[in-house]
Amino acid sequence: MSKAERIERVRSLITSIEGFPKPGITFRDIFPVMRDPAVFADCMALLTEHVRDLKQPIDAVVGLDARGFIFGIVLAQQLGVSFVPIRKAGKLPGETIQVSYTLEYGSATFEVQKDALQAAQKVIIIDDLLATGGTMAAACKLIKQLECDIVECVVVIELTDLKGRDKLTDKIFSLTTYSGE
């Protein structure tokens, strides 16, 4: 099966739920992809192939709370590198560093364990979705505070109308995009 066909298989299972979490929002639900082992395998193979095609050394995959954990752990395992979680405040043991950021519906704080990465390590940051960009921008800020190099930010879904990419200075790859659909 071609790359385009595999991407279309993934896209075909991403469902749209109107009015969630509030009226006027179209929620892109990634969970049907995870319920289909063959399509989830395609999704992970596509992400892994993309990162390998970068032909850059990767020391760790950083996954964002919570769906980024699912994709990140599998990607890290496929690449043979460590997985580092970025979580909401108060969820990680040990010494952490934090950054607060604005969401579409309020504000939040992300944190990472201070000893999770070493300066100059090269990382991929992964999440399921890029919307307004606040979450990914906060994750990038945390990783830069640890003096690591972000090779690329990777997402399964990008909502291009929300212009989240504009908030990022780091390279971003989206497996699928949605625009005004």
Protein backbone atom coordinates (compact mmCIF):
# COMPACT_ATOMS: atom_id res chain seq x y z
CA MET A 1 0.00 0.00 0.00
CA SER A 2 1.37 3.44 -0.91
CA LYS A 3 2.13 6.19 1.58
CA ALA A 4 -0.84 8.23 0.28
CA GLU A 5 -3.16 5.24 0.68
CA ARG A 6 -1.98 4.65 4.25
CA ILE A 7 -2.48 8.34 5.11
CA GLU A 8 -5.98 8.15 3.64
CA ARG A 9 -6.71 5.04 5.76
CA VAL A 10 -5.74 6.99 8.88
CA ARG A 11 -7.72 10.05 7.80
CA SER A 12 -10.80 7.95 7.00
CA LEU A 13 -11.09 6.93 10.67
CA ILE A 14 -10.65 10.41 12.17
CA THR A 15 -14.21 11.39 12.91
CA SER A 16 -15.74 14.84 13.24
CA ILE A 17 -18.01 15.58 16.20
CA GLU A 18 -19.92 18.83 15.86
CA GLY A 19 -20.49 20.97 18.94
CA PHE A 20 -17.90 19.32 21.17
CA PRO A 21 -16.64 20.42 23.64
CA LYS A 22 -18.87 23.45 23.03
CA PRO A 23 -21.17 24.79 20.31
CA GLY A 24 -19.38 26.00 17.21
CA ILE A 25 -16.43 23.61 17.62
CA THR A 26 -15.79 20.60 15.39
CA PHE A 27 -13.82 18.05 17.40
CA ARG A 28 -11.51 15.74 15.43
CA ASP A 29 -11.63 12.39 17.22
CA ILE A 30 -8.44 10.30 16.87
CA PHE A 31 -9.68 7.42 19.04
CA PRO A 32 -11.25 5.44 16.14
CA VAL A 33 -7.73 5.20 14.65
CA MET A 34 -6.51 3.68 17.92
CA ARG A 35 -9.37 1.16 17.96
CA ASP A 36 -8.26 -0.31 14.62
CA PRO A 37 -4.92 -2.10 15.09
CA ALA A 38 -4.07 -2.14 11.38
CA VAL A 39 -4.79 1.56 10.87
CA PHE A 40 -2.99 2.52 14.09
CA ALA A 41 -0.02 0.47 12.86
CA ASP A 42 -0.15 2.41 9.57
CA CYS A 43 -0.24 5.70 11.48
CA MET A 44 2.75 4.78 13.61
CA ALA A 45 4.69 3.41 10.64
CA LEU A 46 4.11 6.68 8.74
CA LEU A 47 5.29 8.77 11.70
CA THR A 48 8.31 6.54 12.26
CA GLU A 49 9.25 6.62 8.56
CA HIS A 50 8.96 10.40 8.54
CA VAL A 51 11.28 10.82 11.53
CA ARG A 52 13.79 8.32 10.11
CA ASP A 53 13.69 10.18 6.77
CA LEU A 54 14.89 13.30 8.58
CA LYS A 55 18.25 11.49 8.80
CA GLN A 56 19.12 13.25 12.04
CA PRO A 57 20.11 11.66 15.32
CA ILE A 58 17.27 11.59 17.84
CA ASP A 59 17.95 11.10 21.55
CA ALA A 60 14.38 11.20 22.88
CA VAL A 61 10.74 11.55 21.97
CA VAL A 62 8.79 14.01 24.10
CA GLY A 63 5.05 13.29 24.29
CA LEU A 64 2.41 15.76 25.43
CA ASP A 65 -0.27 14.95 27.99
CA ALA A 66 -2.26 12.87 27.24
CA ARG A 67 -2.78 11.54 23.71
CA GLY A 68 0.78 12.50 22.79
CA PHE A 69 1.86 9.82 25.27
CA ILE A 70 0.25 7.09 23.16
CA PHE A 71 1.94 8.16 19.94
CA GLY A 72 5.17 9.16 21.68
CA ILE A 73 5.79 5.92 23.52
CA VAL A 74 5.30 3.86 20.37
CA LEU A 75 7.45 6.23 18.29
CA ALA A 76 10.23 6.17 20.90
CA GLN A 77 10.15 2.38 20.99
CA GLN A 78 10.29 2.18 17.18
CA LEU A 79 13.26 4.59 17.10
CA GLY A 80 15.03 2.88 20.02
CA VAL A 81 15.20 6.08 22.09
CA SER A 82 13.84 7.23 25.43
CA PHE A 83 10.37 8.67 25.98
CA VAL A 84 9.89 11.81 28.08
CA PRO A 85 6.42 12.95 29.16
CA ILE A 86 5.32 16.55 29.49
CA ARG A 87 2.36 16.63 31.88
CA LYS A 88 -0.07 19.01 33.43
CA ALA A 89 1.19 20.60 36.67
CA GLY A 90 1.35 18.41 39.76
CA LYS A 91 1.43 15.07 37.93
CA LEU A 92 5.16 14.33 37.85
CA PRO A 93 7.32 13.27 40.81
CA GLY A 94 10.66 14.83 41.58
CA GLU A 95 12.02 18.22 40.63
CA THR A 96 10.27 19.76 37.63
CA ILE A 97 10.33 22.91 35.57
CA GLN A 98 7.07 24.51 34.52
CA VAL A 99 5.60 26.86 31.96
CA SER A 100 2.12 28.36 31.92
CA TYR A 101 0.27 28.96 28.68
CA THR A 102 -3.06 30.07 27.28
CA LEU A 103 -5.56 27.63 25.84
CA GLU A 104 -8.58 28.25 23.68
CA TYR A 105 -10.72 27.80 26.81
CA GLY A 106 -8.48 29.20 29.58
CA SER A 107 -4.95 28.61 30.80
CA ALA A 108 -2.84 25.69 31.98
CA THR A 109 0.62 24.78 33.20
CA PHE A 110 2.89 22.11 31.74
CA GLU A 111 5.86 20.55 33.46
CA VAL A 112 8.72 18.18 32.72
CA GLN A 113 11.10 16.45 35.10
CA LYS A 114 14.27 18.49 35.35
CA ASP A 115 16.52 15.44 34.91
CA ALA A 116 14.55 13.85 32.06
CA LEU A 117 16.86 15.24 29.37
CA GLN A 118 20.44 16.45 29.20
CA ALA A 119 21.53 19.69 27.53
CA ALA A 120 22.13 19.41 23.77
CA GLN A 121 20.03 16.26 23.35
CA LYS A 122 18.05 16.16 20.13
CA VAL A 123 14.32 15.57 20.54
CA ILE A 124 11.11 15.08 18.63
CA ILE A 125 8.01 16.54 20.31
CA ILE A 126 4.79 14.71 19.47
CA ASP A 127 1.09 15.26 20.07
CA ASP A 128 -2.10 14.13 18.42
CA LEU A 129 -3.31 17.59 17.39
CA LEU A 130 -2.11 21.08 16.54
CA ALA A 131 -4.92 23.61 16.85
CA THR A 132 -4.17 27.11 18.18
CA GLY A 133 -0.55 26.17 18.94
CA GLY A 134 -0.50 27.12 22.62
CA THR A 135 0.17 23.61 23.90
CA MET A 136 2.95 22.87 21.43
CA ALA A 137 4.54 26.30 21.94
CA ALA A 138 4.58 25.69 25.71
CA ALA A 139 6.20 22.29 25.21
CA CYS A 140 8.87 23.83 22.97
CA LYS A 141 9.57 26.45 25.62
CA LEU A 142 10.06 23.76 28.29
CA ILE A 143 12.42 21.74 26.12
CA LYS A 144 14.45 24.85 25.31
CA GLN A 145 14.69 25.65 29.04
CA LEU A 146 16.39 22.26 29.36
CA GLU A 147 18.78 23.45 26.61
CA CYS A 148 17.81 20.65 24.23
CA ASP A 149 17.53 20.87 20.46
CA ILE A 150 14.11 20.35 18.92
CA VAL A 151 14.56 18.47 15.67
CA GLU A 152 10.87 18.69 14.83
CA CYS A 153 7.38 18.89 16.29
CA VAL A 154 5.15 16.10 14.97
CA VAL A 155 1.35 15.87 15.05
CA VAL A 156 -1.16 13.46 13.57
CA ILE A 157 -3.78 16.18 12.91
CA GLU A 158 -3.35 19.87 12.17
CA LEU A 159 -6.32 22.25 12.07
CA THR A 160 -4.86 24.78 9.65
CA ASP A 161 -7.62 27.38 10.03
CA LEU A 162 -6.58 27.93 13.66
CA LYS A 163 -3.05 28.94 12.57
CA GLY A 164 -1.25 27.15 15.41
CA ARG A 165 1.79 26.77 13.18
CA ASP A 166 2.22 30.55 13.30
CA LYS A 167 2.97 30.38 17.06
CA LEU A 168 5.87 27.99 16.53
CA THR A 169 9.42 28.79 15.55
CA ASP A 170 10.39 25.14 15.28
CA LYS A 171 9.83 22.87 12.30
CA ILE A 172 6.46 21.06 12.32
CA PHE A 173 5.18 18.00 10.50
CA SER A 174 1.51 17.05 10.33
CA LEU A 175 0.41 13.68 9.01
CA THR A 176 -3.07 15.00 8.14
CA THR A 177 -4.55 18.48 7.89
CA TYR A 178 -8.06 19.86 8.07
CA SER A 179 -9.12 23.26 6.82
CA GLY A 180 -12.64 24.61 7.16
CA GLU A 181 -14.16 21.15 6.90
